[in-house]
């Protein structure tokens, strides 16, 4: 019997103490059929059995009742500010929205449901470059499944991707075909969720990309694809630029495509350059609005992340900070707490915020903004096949013209009809369909095994 690490969140000086229980590490893994997949499974089992630095350790989540009781006490003790003096969201997250959130969070919300959901999935940790990396790894039961590593951003987490796991690994049950199957790897960024918190500087998206390449190699994959949005896009593009031979293509739902002249004008709140198409003008308007009204959180975290003590001490403060990521997502979430049916539910929103709270990662996650020196929306000239899904409520909906220049080997582009920044979370069916379509040509180009040799 292998040991399974169980998270016990004993808040001693703000740290999380790990304890372990005994459990079969392979109990959550599906049976695999093809010879190549059996080889890959044996490679992972060897890593699980290793006691060295490259060991893969099964992981389960459990926070003590005391941590949940403390959360409720803090919610109830919130000192509320005055109501905003405008009738819209121009001064930030409205008081009524946050009070509705807090009322539900402190009375009806049940964290144990998401713990059970997470523990029903195969989860692991492994040390890479001195940091414990947590990840979900679900292998499809279908042969020739294409491995994909999916990376979240801020203020996201692995919670964002939970809805897409079964549709990707078990496509026939969700309107797809067996040929659409994926193996799914979903890691937590360093400093986020259940991954370790770096204790030294240098963990920028490039270093995370190197770690993800090590992770996929450690899992035995010799042919795989990568996907990401937000920071997940930055990491995914850097993986492509590092060009490991095993990585055959990427997909992004928040591409970096903005030409220099467009970015300069939008950042200065200047008139758009002349001669833009309708798609380009729309993207410019979205980008200019974000730069003028939506960039404050990123600037603060990029400059002074350690100063954000308040969101590490107040759960309601943390929730408000996370909700105010972008205007369109905030509008959607506000409707959710008004009782309207949307792509997200109240529990979806609070599952994610509660994960940040219980793991005490409000500040450690913000440091990624301080670490990164990358121009977020600037094209990186990705040298491998790339696919782009442009969602209408994203920070900007990338036009095809900009996208084709930014990704010289563009294999797929689609302007989706619905969805925003948290596409996999808000619109899992659309997102899954996009991922299947995005990589179909790569499957057809080379149908050989994706497993270890």
Protein backbone atom coordinates (compact mmCIF):
# COMPACT_ATOMS: atom_id res chain seq x y z
CA UNK A 1 0.00 0.00 0.00
CA UNK A 2 1.38 3.37 -0.98
CA UNK A 3 0.99 6.44 1.17
CA UNK A 4 -1.51 9.08 0.16
CA UNK A 5 -0.94 12.62 1.32
CA UNK A 6 -4.02 14.14 2.89
CA UNK A 7 -4.17 17.88 3.26
CA UNK A 8 -4.85 18.90 6.83
CA UNK A 9 -5.15 22.64 6.98
CA UNK A 10 -3.92 23.44 10.45
CA UNK A 11 -3.31 27.14 10.35
CA UNK A 12 -0.15 27.48 12.42
CA UNK A 13 1.52 30.74 11.58
CA UNK A 14 -0.35 30.79 8.28
CA UNK A 15 1.11 27.48 7.10
CA UNK A 16 -0.55 24.28 6.00
CA UNK A 17 0.59 21.13 7.76
CA UNK A 18 0.52 17.88 5.78
CA UNK A 19 -0.38 14.61 7.39
CA UNK A 20 -0.65 11.26 5.65
CA UNK A 21 -2.84 8.22 5.70
CA UNK A 22 -2.38 4.86 4.02
CA UNK A 23 -4.27 4.20 0.83
CA UNK A 24 -3.80 2.45 -2.51
CA UNK A 25 -2.32 5.03 -4.87
CA UNK A 26 -3.83 3.40 -7.95
CA UNK A 27 -7.41 3.18 -6.73
CA UNK A 28 -8.53 6.22 -8.72
CA UNK A 29 -6.88 5.28 -12.01
CA UNK A 30 -8.97 3.84 -14.82
CA UNK A 31 -8.03 0.59 -16.47
CA UNK A 32 -5.96 1.07 -19.60
CA UNK A 33 -6.11 -1.20 -22.57
CA UNK A 34 -3.58 -0.60 -25.34
CA UNK A 35 0.01 -1.87 -24.94
CA UNK A 36 1.44 1.65 -25.21
CA UNK A 37 -0.93 2.92 -22.54
CA UNK A 38 0.03 0.03 -20.28
CA UNK A 39 3.67 0.96 -20.74
CA UNK A 40 2.87 4.56 -19.82
CA UNK A 41 0.84 3.46 -16.82
CA UNK A 42 3.73 1.29 -15.62
CA UNK A 43 6.08 4.28 -16.02
CA UNK A 44 3.86 6.39 -13.81
CA UNK A 45 3.53 3.58 -11.26
CA UNK A 46 7.32 3.36 -11.10
CA UNK A 47 7.44 7.09 -10.40
CA UNK A 48 4.76 6.68 -7.74
CA UNK A 49 6.80 3.93 -6.13
CA UNK A 50 9.99 5.95 -6.17
CA UNK A 51 11.20 7.56 -2.98
CA UNK A 52 13.48 9.98 -4.86
CA UNK A 53 12.95 13.59 -5.84
CA UNK A 54 10.91 12.55 -8.88
CA UNK A 55 8.39 10.52 -6.87
CA UNK A 56 4.70 10.98 -7.66
CA UNK A 57 2.61 10.83 -4.50
CA UNK A 58 -1.17 10.34 -4.45
CA UNK A 59 -3.02 13.22 -2.82
CA UNK A 60 -6.34 13.77 -1.09
CA UNK A 61 -7.99 16.89 0.29
CA UNK A 62 -9.41 17.36 3.76
CA UNK A 63 -9.61 20.54 5.79
CA UNK A 64 -10.51 20.22 9.49
CA UNK A 65 -13.85 21.45 10.79
CA UNK A 66 -11.99 24.15 12.74
CA UNK A 67 -10.78 25.78 9.51
CA UNK A 68 -14.33 25.87 8.11
CA UNK A 69 -15.74 27.21 11.38
CA UNK A 70 -13.07 29.93 11.41
CA UNK A 71 -14.06 30.90 7.86
CA UNK A 72 -17.72 31.28 8.89
CA UNK A 73 -16.78 33.34 11.94
CA UNK A 74 -14.74 35.71 9.81
CA UNK A 75 -17.55 36.09 7.26
CA UNK A 76 -20.02 36.92 10.03
CA UNK A 77 -17.61 39.44 11.57
CA UNK A 78 -17.12 41.42 8.34
CA UNK A 79 -17.07 45.19 8.86
CA UNK A 80 -18.97 46.53 5.89
CA UNK A 81 -18.09 49.78 4.12
CA UNK A 82 -20.67 52.32 3.02
CA UNK A 83 -22.66 51.55 -0.09
CA UNK A 84 -21.21 52.82 -3.37
CA UNK A 85 -22.50 56.25 -4.37
CA UNK A 86 -23.23 55.33 -8.00
CA UNK A 87 -25.86 53.03 -9.49
CA UNK A 88 -23.50 50.86 -11.53
CA UNK A 89 -20.23 48.95 -11.05
CA UNK A 90 -17.96 51.86 -11.96
CA UNK A 91 -16.70 52.10 -8.35
CA UNK A 92 -16.13 48.35 -8.06
CA UNK A 93 -18.03 45.34 -6.80
CA UNK A 94 -21.34 46.59 -5.46
CA UNK A 95 -22.16 46.20 -1.78
CA UNK A 96 -25.39 44.32 -2.44
CA UNK A 97 -23.57 41.69 -4.51
CA UNK A 98 -20.93 41.05 -1.87
CA UNK A 99 -23.49 40.93 0.94
CA UNK A 100 -25.55 38.34 -0.98
CA UNK A 101 -22.37 36.34 -1.53
CA UNK A 102 -21.41 36.55 2.14
CA UNK A 103 -24.90 35.58 3.32
CA UNK A 104 -24.90 32.44 1.18
CA UNK A 105 -21.25 31.64 1.98
CA UNK A 106 -21.79 31.90 5.71
CA UNK A 107 -25.02 29.90 5.88
CA UNK A 108 -25.82 27.57 2.97
CA UNK A 109 -22.49 26.90 1.25
CA UNK A 110 -20.94 23.44 1.76
CA UNK A 111 -17.20 23.08 1.07
CA UNK A 112 -17.36 19.33 1.76
CA UNK A 113 -19.13 18.84 -1.58
CA UNK A 114 -16.15 20.13 -3.55
CA UNK A 115 -13.76 18.11 -1.37
CA UNK A 116 -15.70 14.98 -2.31
CA UNK A 117 -15.65 15.99 -5.98
CA UNK A 118 -11.88 16.50 -5.90
CA UNK A 119 -11.22 13.29 -3.99
CA UNK A 120 -13.20 11.33 -6.58
CA UNK A 121 -10.48 12.26 -9.07
CA UNK A 122 -6.91 10.91 -9.23
CA UNK A 123 -4.76 13.65 -7.68
CA UNK A 124 -1.03 13.67 -7.12
CA UNK A 125 1.93 15.79 -6.07
CA UNK A 126 5.49 15.63 -7.29
CA UNK A 127 8.49 17.82 -6.58
CA UNK A 128 9.86 19.76 -9.55
CA UNK A 129 12.65 22.31 -9.23
CA UNK A 130 12.28 22.36 -5.46
CA UNK A 131 8.51 22.98 -5.38
CA UNK A 132 5.73 20.44 -4.81
CA UNK A 133 3.41 20.51 -7.80
CA UNK A 134 -0.17 19.32 -7.33
CA UNK A 135 -2.05 17.99 -10.31
CA UNK A 136 -5.14 16.06 -11.38
CA UNK A 137 -4.42 13.26 -13.84
CA UNK A 138 -7.31 11.40 -15.45
CA UNK A 139 -6.49 8.83 -18.11
CA UNK A 140 -9.19 7.98 -20.62
CA UNK A 141 -10.22 4.35 -20.87
CA UNK A 142 -10.16 4.72 -24.65
CA UNK A 143 -7.11 3.78 -26.73
CA UNK A 144 -5.06 6.46 -28.50
CA UNK A 145 -6.35 9.23 -26.26
CA UNK A 146 -4.40 12.45 -26.84
CA UNK A 147 -2.78 13.76 -23.64
CA UNK A 148 -3.45 17.43 -22.85
CA UNK A 149 -2.06 19.55 -20.02
CA UNK A 150 -4.50 22.34 -19.12
CA UNK A 151 -3.29 25.35 -17.13
CA UNK A 152 -5.45 27.80 -15.19
CA UNK A 153 -4.78 31.46 -14.45
CA UNK A 154 -5.67 34.08 -11.81
CA UNK A 155 -8.10 34.30 -10.09
CA UNK A 156 -8.66 30.77 -11.26
CA UNK A 157 -7.61 27.34 -10.10
CA UNK A 158 -8.14 23.69 -10.91
CA UNK A 159 -11.79 24.35 -9.98
CA UNK A 160 -12.21 26.03 -13.38
CA UNK A 161 -11.48 22.83 -15.27
CA UNK A 162 -13.46 20.25 -13.29
CA UNK A 163 -16.45 20.41 -15.66
CA UNK A 164 -14.40 19.51 -18.75
CA UNK A 165 -12.64 16.41 -17.39
CA UNK A 166 -15.31 13.81 -18.10
CA UNK A 167 -16.33 15.23 -21.50
CA UNK A 168 -12.68 15.12 -22.60
CA UNK A 169 -11.82 11.68 -21.20
CA UNK A 170 -15.20 10.05 -21.93
CA UNK A 171 -16.40 11.87 -25.07
CA UNK A 172 -19.05 9.35 -26.18
CA UNK A 173 -21.04 10.10 -23.03
CA UNK A 174 -21.04 13.82 -23.92
CA UNK A 175 -21.86 13.98 -27.63
CA UNK A 176 -18.39 13.19 -28.97
CA UNK A 177 -16.79 10.12 -30.49
CA UNK A 178 -14.13 7.77 -29.18
CA UNK A 179 -11.61 9.38 -31.52
CA UNK A 180 -12.00 12.65 -29.56
CA UNK A 181 -10.66 11.20 -26.29
CA UNK A 182 -8.03 12.96 -24.21
CA UNK A 183 -5.93 12.06 -21.21
CA UNK A 184 -6.19 15.13 -18.98
CA UNK A 185 -3.50 16.63 -16.74
CA UNK A 186 -4.50 19.72 -14.73
CA UNK A 187 -1.74 21.14 -12.51
CA UNK A 188 -2.02 23.88 -9.89
CA UNK A 189 0.39 26.73 -10.59
CA UNK A 190 3.16 27.17 -7.98
CA UNK A 191 1.79 29.33 -5.17
CA UNK A 192 -1.78 28.39 -6.07
CA UNK A 193 -4.15 25.83 -4.59
CA UNK A 194 -2.46 22.67 -3.35
CA UNK A 195 0.89 23.27 -5.05
CA UNK A 196 3.79 24.43 -2.92
CA UNK A 197 4.63 28.10 -2.48
CA UNK A 198 8.03 29.08 -3.89
CA UNK A 199 10.39 30.34 -1.18
CA UNK A 200 12.73 32.12 -3.60
CA UNK A 201 12.26 34.37 -6.61
CA UNK A 202 12.30 33.31 -10.23
CA UNK A 203 9.02 31.41 -10.67
CA UNK A 204 7.80 33.25 -13.77
CA UNK A 205 5.75 31.66 -16.61
CA UNK A 206 8.95 30.47 -18.33
CA UNK A 207 10.05 28.52 -15.27
CA UNK A 208 6.54 27.11 -14.83
CA UNK A 209 6.61 26.02 -18.48
CA UNK A 210 9.87 24.15 -17.86
CA UNK A 211 8.28 22.46 -14.85
CA UNK A 212 5.25 21.38 -16.90
CA UNK A 213 7.56 19.84 -19.52
CA UNK A 214 9.25 17.87 -16.73
CA UNK A 215 5.86 16.82 -15.40
CA UNK A 216 4.65 15.46 -18.74
CA UNK A 217 7.93 13.62 -19.23
CA UNK A 218 7.65 12.20 -15.71
CA UNK A 219 4.16 10.94 -16.58
CA UNK A 220 5.62 9.07 -19.54
CA UNK A 221 4.05 11.09 -22.36
CA UNK A 222 5.98 11.22 -25.62
CA UNK A 223 3.36 13.11 -27.62
CA UNK A 224 0.95 15.63 -26.12
CA UNK A 225 -0.74 19.01 -26.50
CA UNK A 226 -1.16 21.95 -24.10
CA UNK A 227 -4.00 24.36 -23.39
CA UNK A 228 -4.39 27.54 -21.35
CA UNK A 229 -6.01 30.91 -20.84
CA UNK A 230 -4.91 33.90 -18.76
CA UNK A 231 -1.61 32.89 -17.06
CA UNK A 232 -2.32 29.46 -18.51
CA UNK A 233 -1.86 30.95 -21.97
CA UNK A 234 1.44 32.55 -20.95
CA UNK A 235 2.71 29.22 -19.62
CA UNK A 236 1.41 27.28 -22.63
CA UNK A 237 3.04 29.66 -25.11
CA UNK A 238 6.33 29.46 -23.22
CA UNK A 239 6.14 25.67 -23.41
CA UNK A 240 5.79 26.03 -27.17
CA UNK A 241 8.76 28.41 -27.34
CA UNK A 242 10.88 25.95 -25.36
CA UNK A 243 9.84 23.47 -28.08
CA UNK A 244 10.14 20.08 -26.38
CA UNK A 245 9.80 17.47 -29.14
CA UNK A 246 6.91 15.81 -27.31
CA UNK A 247 4.69 18.93 -27.52
CA UNK A 248 2.93 18.83 -30.89
CA UNK A 249 0.51 21.75 -30.56
CA UNK A 250 -1.23 24.23 -28.29
CA UNK A 251 -4.71 25.71 -27.87
CA UNK A 252 -5.54 28.99 -26.19
CA UNK A 253 -8.75 30.78 -25.30
CA UNK A 254 -6.92 34.03 -24.48
CA UNK A 255 -4.33 34.44 -27.22
CA UNK A 256 -1.52 37.00 -27.30
CA UNK A 257 -2.06 38.67 -30.67
CA UNK A 258 -2.11 42.45 -30.23
CA UNK A 259 0.15 44.37 -32.68
CA UNK A 260 2.51 46.94 -31.14
CA UNK A 261 0.77 50.01 -32.61
CA UNK A 262 -2.62 48.79 -31.42
CA UNK A 263 -1.33 48.06 -27.93
CA UNK A 264 0.41 51.43 -27.65
CA UNK A 265 -2.71 53.33 -28.68
CA UNK A 266 -5.04 51.33 -26.42
CA UNK A 267 -2.75 51.74 -23.43
CA UNK A 268 -2.65 55.51 -23.99
CA UNK A 269 -6.44 55.65 -24.47
CA UNK A 270 -5.77 57.21 -27.86
CA UNK A 271 -7.95 56.93 -30.97
CA UNK A 272 -7.61 53.63 -32.77
CA UNK A 273 -5.21 53.50 -35.73
CA UNK A 274 -6.97 54.04 -39.05
CA UNK A 275 -7.95 51.27 -41.39
CA UNK A 276 -9.11 48.70 -38.85
CA UNK A 277 -11.71 46.13 -39.85
CA UNK A 278 -14.91 45.78 -37.83
CA UNK A 279 -13.43 42.82 -35.91
CA UNK A 280 -10.21 44.71 -35.22
CA UNK A 281 -12.05 47.86 -34.10
CA UNK A 282 -14.18 45.80 -31.71
CA UNK A 283 -11.07 44.17 -30.25
CA UNK A 284 -9.41 47.57 -29.91
CA UNK A 285 -12.40 49.00 -28.05
CA UNK A 286 -12.42 46.04 -25.64
CA UNK A 287 -8.69 46.32 -25.04
CA UNK A 288 -8.79 50.08 -24.49
CA UNK A 289 -11.61 49.66 -21.97
CA UNK A 290 -9.67 47.00 -20.08
CA UNK A 291 -6.52 49.11 -19.95
CA UNK A 292 -8.47 52.13 -18.69
CA UNK A 293 -10.85 50.46 -16.23
CA UNK A 294 -9.74 46.89 -15.57
CA UNK A 295 -5.99 46.80 -15.03
CA UNK A 296 -5.80 48.09 -11.46
CA UNK A 297 -5.66 44.68 -9.74
CA UNK A 298 -2.86 43.50 -12.03
CA UNK A 299 -0.81 46.66 -11.49
CA UNK A 300 -1.04 46.30 -7.72
CA UNK A 301 -0.04 42.63 -7.77
CA UNK A 302 2.76 43.28 -10.23
CA UNK A 303 4.22 46.01 -8.05
CA UNK A 304 3.38 45.24 -4.41
CA UNK A 305 1.88 41.75 -3.96
CA UNK A 306 3.05 41.45 -0.37
CA UNK A 307 1.02 44.52 0.60
CA UNK A 308 -2.23 42.60 0.07
CA UNK A 309 -2.45 41.45 3.71
CA UNK A 310 -6.12 42.40 3.89
CA UNK A 311 -7.27 39.78 1.39
CA UNK A 312 -5.32 37.15 3.32
CA UNK A 313 -7.12 38.15 6.52
CA UNK A 314 -10.69 38.80 5.33
CA UNK A 315 -12.55 36.15 3.30
CA UNK A 316 -15.09 38.71 2.12
CA UNK A 317 -12.27 41.04 1.08
CA UNK A 318 -10.67 38.18 -0.83
CA UNK A 319 -13.93 37.34 -2.59
CA UNK A 320 -14.49 40.95 -3.68
CA UNK A 321 -10.89 41.22 -4.96
CA UNK A 322 -11.30 38.03 -7.00
CA UNK A 323 -14.72 38.95 -8.38
CA UNK A 324 -13.41 42.24 -9.76
CA UNK A 325 -11.12 40.62 -12.33
CA UNK A 326 -12.92 41.97 -15.39
CA UNK A 327 -16.16 43.83 -15.96
CA UNK A 328 -17.93 41.15 -18.00
CA UNK A 329 -17.18 38.33 -15.55
CA UNK A 330 -18.24 40.53 -12.64
CA UNK A 331 -21.52 41.31 -14.36
CA UNK A 332 -22.16 37.61 -14.91
CA UNK A 333 -21.31 36.71 -11.30
CA UNK A 334 -23.49 39.55 -9.99
CA UNK A 335 -26.42 38.10 -11.93
CA UNK A 336 -25.67 34.70 -10.41
CA UNK A 337 -26.00 36.10 -6.89
CA UNK A 338 -29.20 37.85 -7.98
CA UNK A 339 -30.60 34.37 -8.59
CA UNK A 340 -30.39 34.31 -12.37
CA UNK A 341 -29.39 31.17 -14.26
CA UNK A 342 -25.96 31.57 -15.82
CA UNK A 343 -23.00 29.44 -16.87
CA UNK A 344 -21.77 29.64 -13.29
CA UNK A 345 -23.55 28.92 -10.01
CA UNK A 346 -23.07 30.43 -6.58
CA UNK A 347 -21.29 27.24 -5.53
CA UNK A 348 -18.95 27.44 -8.54
CA UNK A 349 -17.85 30.92 -7.53
CA UNK A 350 -17.45 30.07 -3.86
CA UNK A 351 -15.66 26.77 -4.51
CA UNK A 352 -12.91 28.76 -6.17
CA UNK A 353 -12.75 31.54 -3.57
CA UNK A 354 -12.84 29.05 -0.70
CA UNK A 355 -9.94 27.12 -2.21
CA UNK A 356 -7.85 30.31 -2.17
CA UNK A 357 -8.93 31.03 1.40
CA UNK A 358 -8.31 27.60 2.90
CA UNK A 359 -4.92 27.21 1.22
CA UNK A 360 -3.92 30.78 2.21
CA UNK A 361 -2.73 31.53 -1.32
CA UNK A 362 -4.10 35.05 -1.83
CA UNK A 363 -0.65 36.63 -1.63
CA UNK A 364 1.47 33.75 -2.94
CA UNK A 365 -0.66 33.55 -6.10
CA UNK A 366 -0.35 37.31 -6.65
CA UNK A 367 3.43 37.03 -6.84
CA UNK A 368 3.22 35.57 -10.34
CA UNK A 369 2.35 39.08 -11.55
CA UNK A 370 5.48 40.42 -9.82
CA UNK A 371 7.65 37.65 -11.27
CA UNK A 372 6.55 37.88 -14.89
CA UNK A 373 8.32 40.26 -17.25
CA UNK A 374 6.39 39.11 -20.31
CA UNK A 375 4.24 41.47 -22.36
CA UNK A 376 0.89 39.84 -21.76
CA UNK A 377 -0.88 40.46 -25.09
CA UNK A 378 2.16 40.78 -27.37
CA UNK A 379 2.64 38.07 -30.03
CA UNK A 380 5.37 35.55 -29.15
CA UNK A 381 5.74 33.96 -32.62
CA UNK A 382 4.87 30.49 -31.41
CA UNK A 383 6.73 28.09 -33.70
CA UNK A 384 4.49 25.01 -33.40
CA UNK A 385 0.89 24.33 -34.50
CA UNK A 386 -1.52 26.54 -32.57
CA UNK A 387 -5.30 26.70 -32.26
CA UNK A 388 -7.33 29.66 -31.02
CA UNK A 389 -10.89 29.96 -29.75
CA UNK A 390 -11.93 33.61 -29.50
CA UNK A 391 -14.72 34.03 -26.94
CA UNK A 392 -16.83 37.22 -27.23
CA UNK A 393 -16.70 38.26 -23.55
CA UNK A 394 -12.96 37.74 -23.15
CA UNK A 395 -10.81 40.76 -22.27
CA UNK A 396 -10.63 41.17 -26.02
CA UNK A 397 -11.91 38.89 -28.78
CA UNK A 398 -8.86 38.29 -30.95
CA UNK A 399 -9.54 38.96 -34.66
CA UNK A 400 -8.50 36.35 -37.17
CA UNK A 401 -6.16 38.84 -38.87
CA UNK A 402 -4.11 39.45 -35.72
CA UNK A 403 -4.22 35.77 -34.77
CA UNK A 404 -2.86 34.53 -38.10
CA UNK A 405 0.15 36.84 -37.78
CA UNK A 406 0.80 35.96 -34.14
CA UNK A 407 0.69 32.21 -34.73
CA UNK A 408 2.50 31.37 -38.00
CA UNK A 409 1.34 27.74 -37.80
CA UNK A 410 -2.31 28.45 -37.01
CA UNK A 411 -4.29 25.26 -37.51
CA UNK A 412 -7.65 26.34 -36.10
CA UNK A 413 -9.48 29.60 -35.41
CA UNK A 414 -13.07 30.06 -34.33
CA UNK A 415 -15.05 33.04 -33.04
CA UNK A 416 -17.28 31.44 -30.44
CA UNK A 417 -20.81 32.79 -29.95
CA UNK A 418 -20.89 32.76 -26.13
CA UNK A 419 -18.50 32.77 -23.19
CA UNK A 420 -15.95 34.92 -21.49
CA UNK A 421 -12.68 34.89 -19.61
CA UNK A 422 -13.37 31.69 -17.65
CA UNK A 423 -14.49 29.77 -20.72
CA UNK A 424 -14.04 26.19 -19.46
CA UNK A 425 -15.88 27.10 -16.26
CA UNK A 426 -18.69 29.16 -17.80
CA UNK A 427 -19.27 27.20 -21.02
CA UNK A 428 -17.85 23.69 -20.58
CA UNK A 429 -19.79 22.19 -23.50
CA UNK A 430 -18.64 24.86 -25.94
CA UNK A 431 -15.11 24.73 -24.56
CA UNK A 432 -14.94 20.94 -24.90
CA UNK A 433 -16.21 21.13 -28.49
CA UNK A 434 -13.54 23.73 -29.25
CA UNK A 435 -10.77 21.57 -27.82
CA UNK A 436 -11.90 18.54 -29.81
CA UNK A 437 -12.04 20.53 -33.05
CA UNK A 438 -8.78 22.34 -32.36
CA UNK A 439 -6.63 19.22 -32.24
CA UNK A 440 -8.47 16.98 -34.70
CA UNK A 441 -6.02 17.71 -37.51
CA UNK A 442 -3.05 16.80 -35.30
CA UNK A 443 -4.63 13.46 -34.47
CA UNK A 444 -5.20 12.80 -38.16
CA UNK A 445 -1.68 13.86 -39.08
CA UNK A 446 -0.12 11.25 -36.86
CA UNK A 447 -2.20 8.52 -35.30
CA UNK A 448 0.70 6.85 -33.52
CA UNK A 449 0.83 6.14 -29.84
CA UNK A 450 1.08 8.99 -27.34
CA UNK A 451 2.59 6.76 -24.69
CA UNK A 452 6.05 6.09 -23.43
CA UNK A 453 8.23 3.79 -25.49
